[in-house]
Protein backbone atom coordinates (compact mmCIF):
# COMPACT_ATOMS: atom_id res chain seq x y z
CA UNK A 1 10.77 11.98 -3.03
CA UNK A 2 10.99 8.20 -2.77
CA UNK A 3 10.26 5.74 -5.55
CA UNK A 4 8.46 2.42 -5.52
CA UNK A 5 7.30 0.01 -8.17
CA UNK A 6 4.40 -2.41 -8.31
CA UNK A 7 5.49 -5.91 -9.28
CA UNK A 8 2.34 -6.82 -11.21
CA UNK A 9 3.04 -10.52 -11.71
CA UNK A 10 0.55 -13.37 -11.47
CA UNK A 11 3.22 -15.97 -10.65
CA UNK A 12 5.12 -15.73 -7.34
CA UNK A 13 8.25 -17.48 -8.59
CA UNK A 14 9.96 -14.55 -10.38
CA UNK A 15 8.99 -11.98 -7.74
CA UNK A 16 11.92 -12.39 -5.29
CA UNK A 17 14.35 -12.05 -8.21
CA UNK A 18 12.52 -8.91 -9.35
CA UNK A 19 12.66 -7.52 -5.82
CA UNK A 20 16.44 -7.99 -5.73
CA UNK A 21 16.76 -6.39 -9.16
CA UNK A 22 14.66 -3.44 -7.94
CA UNK A 23 16.89 -3.00 -4.90
CA UNK A 24 20.02 -3.06 -7.05
CA UNK A 25 18.50 -0.57 -9.51
CA UNK A 26 17.87 1.94 -6.71
CA UNK A 27 14.13 1.65 -6.08
CA UNK A 28 13.01 2.40 -2.53
CA UNK A 29 10.10 -0.05 -2.32
CA UNK A 30 8.24 -2.82 -4.11
CA UNK A 31 4.52 -3.46 -3.86
CA UNK A 32 2.36 -6.48 -4.66
CA UNK A 33 -1.35 -6.71 -5.36
CA UNK A 34 -3.54 -8.22 -2.65
CA UNK A 35 -6.34 -9.84 -4.65
CA UNK A 36 -9.26 -11.83 -3.31
CA UNK A 37 -7.83 -14.81 -5.17
CA UNK A 38 -4.26 -14.69 -6.48
CA UNK A 39 -0.64 -14.59 -5.37
CA UNK A 40 -0.48 -14.44 -1.55
CA UNK A 41 1.28 -11.12 -1.00
CA UNK A 42 2.63 -11.46 2.53
CA UNK A 43 4.06 -14.92 1.88
CA UNK A 44 5.72 -13.65 -1.28
CA UNK A 45 7.00 -10.48 0.39
CA UNK A 46 8.59 -12.63 3.10
CA UNK A 47 10.48 -14.44 0.34
CA UNK A 48 11.53 -11.03 -1.02
CA UNK A 49 12.74 -10.02 2.45
CA UNK A 50 15.04 -13.03 2.52
CA UNK A 51 16.94 -11.96 -0.60
CA UNK A 52 17.05 -8.18 -0.05
CA UNK A 53 18.50 -5.88 2.60
CA UNK A 54 17.23 -2.35 2.04
CA UNK A 55 14.15 -2.11 -0.13
CA UNK A 56 10.77 -1.66 1.54
CA UNK A 57 8.00 -4.21 1.06
CA UNK A 58 4.27 -3.63 0.85
CA UNK A 59 0.93 -4.08 -0.86
CA UNK A 60 -0.90 -1.90 -3.33
CA UNK A 61 -3.36 -2.37 -1.87
CA UNK A 62 -4.96 -4.53 0.83
CA UNK A 63 -8.74 -4.47 1.44
CA UNK A 64 -9.02 -5.32 5.16
CA UNK A 65 -12.68 -6.28 4.73
CA UNK A 66 -11.48 -9.39 2.89
CA UNK A 67 -9.24 -10.37 5.84
CA UNK A 68 -9.77 -11.23 9.47
CA UNK A 69 -8.01 -8.21 11.02
CA UNK A 70 -6.09 -10.29 13.58
CA UNK A 71 -4.78 -12.46 10.77
CA UNK A 72 -3.71 -9.43 8.74
CA UNK A 73 -2.08 -7.91 11.83
CA UNK A 74 -0.07 -11.11 12.31
CA UNK A 75 1.00 -11.32 8.65
CA UNK A 76 2.23 -7.72 8.53
CA UNK A 77 3.97 -7.87 11.92
CA UNK A 78 5.69 -11.10 10.89
CA UNK A 79 6.96 -9.51 7.68
CA UNK A 80 8.17 -6.46 9.58
CA UNK A 81 10.20 -8.68 11.88
CA UNK A 82 11.57 -10.87 9.11
CA UNK A 83 12.62 -7.80 7.11
CA UNK A 84 14.07 -5.86 10.07
CA UNK A 85 11.43 -3.14 9.80
CA UNK A 86 10.72 -2.73 6.09
CA UNK A 87 6.97 -3.42 5.82
CA UNK A 88 4.32 -0.98 4.55
CA UNK A 89 0.58 -1.65 4.74
CA UNK A 90 -1.55 0.13 2.12
CA UNK A 91 -5.30 -0.15 2.64
CA UNK A 92 -8.58 0.79 1.04
CA UNK A 93 -12.00 -0.59 0.20
CA UNK A 94 -10.65 -2.49 -2.80
CA UNK A 95 -11.65 -2.30 -6.44
CA UNK A 96 -15.31 -3.04 -7.14
CA UNK A 97 -14.41 -5.73 -9.68
CA UNK A 98 -11.82 -7.45 -7.49
CA UNK A 99 -13.88 -10.59 -6.88
CA UNK A 100 -15.69 -9.84 -3.62
CA UNK A 101 -19.00 -11.10 -5.03
CA UNK A 102 -17.44 -14.25 -6.47
CA UNK A 103 -16.35 -15.57 -3.09
CA UNK A 104 -19.13 -14.21 -0.92
CA UNK A 105 -17.14 -11.38 0.66
CA UNK A 106 -18.95 -8.20 1.64
CA UNK A 107 -19.50 -6.06 -1.47
CA UNK A 108 -21.49 -3.14 -0.06
CA UNK A 109 -19.11 -0.16 0.05
CA UNK A 110 -20.69 1.32 3.18
CA UNK A 111 -20.23 -1.92 5.11
CA UNK A 112 -16.71 -2.39 3.74
CA UNK A 113 -15.88 1.10 5.02
CA UNK A 114 -17.10 0.08 8.47
CA UNK A 115 -15.00 -3.08 8.30
CA UNK A 116 -12.00 -1.01 7.20
CA UNK A 117 -12.31 1.32 10.19
CA UNK A 118 -12.81 -1.49 12.70
CA UNK A 119 -10.08 -3.58 11.08
CA UNK A 120 -7.55 -0.77 11.42
CA UNK A 121 -8.56 -0.23 15.06
CA UNK A 122 -7.91 -3.90 15.75
CA UNK A 123 -4.67 -4.15 13.77
CA UNK A 124 -3.10 -1.15 15.49
CA UNK A 125 -4.45 -2.28 18.86
CA UNK A 126 -2.99 -5.77 18.55
CA UNK A 127 0.38 -4.36 17.49
CA UNK A 128 0.51 -2.52 20.80
CA UNK A 129 0.33 -5.86 22.63
CA UNK A 130 -1.89 -7.81 25.00
CA UNK A 131 -4.20 -7.50 26.79
CA UNK A 132 -6.35 -6.01 24.03
CA UNK A 133 -10.12 -5.76 24.03
CA UNK A 134 -12.37 -4.46 21.26
CA UNK A 135 -16.12 -4.11 20.89
CA UNK A 136 -17.37 -2.95 17.50
CA UNK A 137 -20.35 -3.35 15.21
CA UNK A 138 -18.71 -6.19 13.29
CA UNK A 139 -15.88 -7.48 15.50
CA UNK A 140 -15.51 -8.33 19.17
CA UNK A 141 -12.16 -9.27 20.74
CA UNK A 142 -11.20 -10.26 24.25
CA UNK A 143 -7.62 -10.70 25.49
CA UNK A 144 -5.83 -13.67 23.92
CA UNK A 145 -3.78 -15.91 26.21
CA UNK A 146 -1.82 -17.68 23.46
CA UNK A 147 1.79 -16.37 23.33
CA UNK A 148 1.71 -13.27 21.10
CA UNK A 149 4.10 -12.63 18.23
CA UNK A 150 6.74 -9.94 18.69
CA UNK A 151 5.45 -6.45 17.93
CA UNK A 152 6.46 -4.78 14.67
CA UNK A 153 10.01 -3.48 14.54
CA UNK A 154 8.91 -0.07 13.30
CA UNK A 155 7.69 2.45 15.86
CA UNK A 156 5.10 3.60 16.61
CA UNK A 157 3.81 1.08 14.02
CA UNK A 158 4.21 -0.26 10.52
CA UNK A 159 3.32 2.69 8.26
CA UNK A 160 -0.30 2.53 7.11
CA UNK A 161 -1.14 4.25 3.84
CA UNK A 162 -4.85 4.74 3.32
CA UNK A 163 -6.96 5.60 0.30
CA UNK A 164 -8.70 8.94 0.72
CA UNK A 165 -11.51 10.17 -1.52
CA UNK A 166 -10.79 13.84 -2.10
CA UNK A 167 -13.77 15.97 -1.11
CA UNK A 168 -15.25 13.28 1.13
CA UNK A 169 -14.63 14.36 4.70
CA UNK A 170 -15.03 10.96 6.37
CA UNK A 171 -12.72 9.24 3.87
CA UNK A 172 -10.07 11.95 4.14
CA UNK A 173 -10.27 12.01 7.93
CA UNK A 174 -9.64 8.25 7.96
CA UNK A 175 -6.54 8.62 5.78
CA UNK A 176 -5.21 11.51 7.85
CA UNK A 177 -5.41 9.41 11.03
CA UNK A 178 -2.70 7.17 9.67
CA UNK A 179 0.62 7.64 7.88
CA UNK A 180 0.02 8.26 4.20
CA UNK A 181 -2.61 9.31 1.67
CA UNK A 182 -3.36 7.35 -1.50
CA UNK A 183 -5.59 9.92 -3.20
CA UNK A 184 -8.62 9.15 -5.32
CA UNK A 185 -10.99 11.75 -6.74
CA UNK A 186 -14.68 10.92 -7.25
CA UNK A 187 -15.72 11.33 -10.87
CA UNK A 188 -18.46 10.27 -13.21
CA UNK A 189 -19.10 6.59 -12.56
CA UNK A 190 -16.15 6.00 -10.26
CA UNK A 191 -12.78 7.31 -9.12
CA UNK A 192 -10.03 9.02 -11.09
CA UNK A 193 -6.45 10.03 -10.40
CA UNK A 194 -5.78 13.41 -8.82
CA UNK A 195 -4.56 16.36 -10.88
CA UNK A 196 -1.48 18.39 -10.02
CA UNK A 197 -3.64 21.24 -8.72
CA UNK A 198 -5.56 18.82 -6.51
CA UNK A 199 -2.34 17.38 -5.13
CA UNK A 200 -1.18 20.91 -4.27
CA UNK A 201 -4.41 21.36 -2.28
CA UNK A 202 -3.97 17.95 -0.64
CA UNK A 203 -0.43 18.82 0.41
CA UNK A 204 -1.69 22.06 1.95
CA UNK A 205 -4.36 20.17 3.89
CA UNK A 206 -1.77 17.68 5.14
CA UNK A 207 0.49 20.49 6.36
CA UNK A 208 -2.46 22.09 8.15
CA UNK A 209 -3.78 18.90 9.73
CA UNK A 210 -0.52 17.12 10.57
CA UNK A 211 1.38 20.14 11.85
CA UNK A 212 4.68 19.17 10.26
CA UNK A 213 4.60 15.56 11.47
CA UNK A 214 5.92 13.01 8.96
CA UNK A 215 3.22 12.02 6.49
CA UNK A 216 3.34 10.59 2.98
CA UNK A 217 1.43 11.70 -0.12
CA UNK A 218 1.62 8.90 -2.67
CA UNK A 219 1.11 9.22 -6.41
CA UNK A 220 0.76 6.23 -8.73
CA UNK A 221 1.53 6.41 -12.44
CA UNK A 222 3.59 5.14 -15.34
CA UNK A 223 6.77 6.84 -16.51
CA UNK A 224 8.75 5.95 -19.66
CA UNK A 225 11.71 3.86 -18.59
CA UNK A 226 13.30 4.22 -22.03
CA UNK A 227 13.39 8.05 -21.85
CA UNK A 228 15.03 9.07 -18.60
CA UNK A 229 14.80 12.82 -19.19
CA UNK A 230 11.08 12.68 -19.89
CA UNK A 231 10.56 10.31 -16.97
CA UNK A 232 12.36 12.60 -14.52
CA UNK A 233 10.47 15.66 -15.76
CA UNK A 234 7.12 13.88 -15.41
CA UNK A 235 7.70 12.82 -11.82
CA UNK A 236 9.37 16.09 -10.77
CA UNK A 237 6.11 17.95 -11.32
CA UNK A 238 4.39 15.74 -8.73
CA UNK A 239 7.23 16.27 -6.26
CA UNK A 240 6.92 20.03 -6.72
CA UNK A 241 3.17 19.73 -6.03
CA UNK A 242 3.90 18.07 -2.68
CA UNK A 243 3.95 14.32 -3.35
CA UNK A 244 6.51 12.36 -1.32
CA UNK A 245 6.31 8.97 -3.09
CA UNK A 246 6.04 8.00 -6.75
CA UNK A 247 4.76 4.44 -7.32
CA UNK A 248 5.40 3.06 -10.78
CA UNK A 249 2.18 1.16 -11.48
CA UNK A 250 2.59 -0.78 -14.70
CA UNK A 251 -0.44 -3.09 -14.68
CA UNK A 252 -0.71 -3.65 -18.43
CA UNK A 253 0.25 -7.18 -19.32
CA UNK A 254 -0.49 -8.57 -15.87
CA UNK A 255 -0.27 -12.35 -16.07
CA UNK A 256 1.44 -12.50 -19.48
CA UNK A 257 5.01 -13.27 -20.51
CA UNK A 258 5.13 -10.02 -22.47
CA UNK A 259 4.01 -8.07 -19.42
CA UNK A 260 6.67 -9.75 -17.28
CA UNK A 261 9.37 -8.84 -19.80
CA UNK A 262 8.20 -5.21 -19.87
CA UNK A 263 8.18 -5.10 -16.08
CA UNK A 264 11.71 -6.50 -15.87
CA UNK A 265 12.92 -3.83 -18.28
CA UNK A 266 11.23 -1.03 -16.31
CA UNK A 267 12.61 -2.29 -13.00
CA UNK A 268 16.13 -2.51 -14.43
CA UNK A 269 15.89 1.03 -15.84
CA UNK A 270 15.63 2.31 -12.28
CA UNK A 271 13.51 4.96 -10.59
CA UNK A 272 12.78 8.31 -12.23
CA UNK A 273 14.82 10.42 -9.85
CA UNK A 274 17.00 13.36 -10.95
């Protein structure tokens, strides 16, 4: 299992320092929010790339419907080059209260799903190079003559982790087309986290559908940094169920000095590995 941590900070200035601290403490990746209005994640991750050497850099998560897909493709490819191949792109529809309505972005989930599918087609197509042509319901592209950026360092592409709604065939099929599953389970009035038994079933589906090809199953949660034994035991159960990544997702205190102090302490305590 690998271990990442969300750096839930509303000010970009301490984030590169936190990224370096996370690398030194043994974390495998850091992730930033990608809000409709907030800290610009790819700019900030580029700053993190400049002060680190090993740790992977990504979002948790990006809603492509709020981006022009060619712009997002350029941002991620640029980070992958600046970091020598350490970028991760996590995608989904985005939280319903994330501000789509406030700025006039598309808020209908069905349309956002269409934009997600077309956006991923365009992003992966542009990463393969020019000439690239695309004709969809929402986007049309013809070959671009302006000198293209270098392709991502990682092959065949920057890993794309995709939210999949367990039990919803179309959503799960989308996630399984890419490189990792961020599982959500439909519940009363919204989505909930997966149970251990559900993750066992997800891991079995992944083995069946991917035929042994590399694929990530990502679990988000909060483990107690001040109790290493309890923390390791908590995360080990998810690894036994088939998860391949644990993402420490400490969102409480986002935007406060107290929250920043708690985050620093959890980062310094290191990942919950045996």
